[in-house]
Amino acid sequence: ADAVRREVLAGLAHDLRTPLTSLRLLAEAIEAEANEDRRRRYARQLSTHVRSLDCLIDDLFELSRIEAGNVDWPLEHVRLHELVEETVDAFESTMAMKGIETQMRVSASLPPAWANPEKLQRVLFNLVQNAVRHTPPHGLVSVAAEAKGARIEVEVRDTGEGIGASERERVFEPFYRAGGETPGAAGLGLAICRAIVEAHGGSIWLAESSRGARIRFSLPSAPP
């Protein structure tokens, strides 16, 4: 337990220090820069790092609330078809720049899940974001969902470098980055996905894949 705590604290220190260092350097550059156009560009970059830091802090609060059992979320019928479409659309420009193709296999007639729509979209957003980040130019990101008995099963798949066998057990741990350091990744996305899915009475796992990463999760179907 102590070793895990030390590793988490080290990850937290690293992920806070990186944007803070950038903020300090950009603030110094703005102060010293006489050219107004460059000052504005530095200011925009500073704002980006502030938003990144805000997201990291939000993720930490989300994890702490869930681990403390503070999960009194209102549940409702959630149509996966609409939610997946909205989530994938959010990455349209990023995927277009990389030439990434997308496939969505989520039927409009799929039975609804019993979930909190905001939290479920957070799970989908994190998984699609990971897939887009790790997929090389002209690769493929796919999202599929199907009914399996009294549950809805969702899959997000990419054609990136995949996850090594030695890392498969750790990818859902906070601050763990498969394959080492990943620019722009705090290592909290999959940990939050697991916490949210399990708080809904579901499960999430890394499925076998001959190419890229293939993450699946299941949630209860909505009651009649």
Foldseek 3Di string as FASTA:
>chain_A
DVVLVVVLVVLVVVQVVVLVVLLVVLVVCLVPDPDPVVNVVSVVVNVVSVVLVVVVVVLVVLVVCLVVVVDPAQWDFAQVVVLLVVLVVVCVVVLVVLQEAEEEARDSPAFTFTARSVLVSLLSNLLVVVQSLQAGRNWYWYKYWHDDPQKIKIKIWTQGQAADPVCQVPLLPAQDDGPPDRPSDSSRSSVSSQSRLVSQVKGKGWDDDPGGTMIMIMHGGDDD
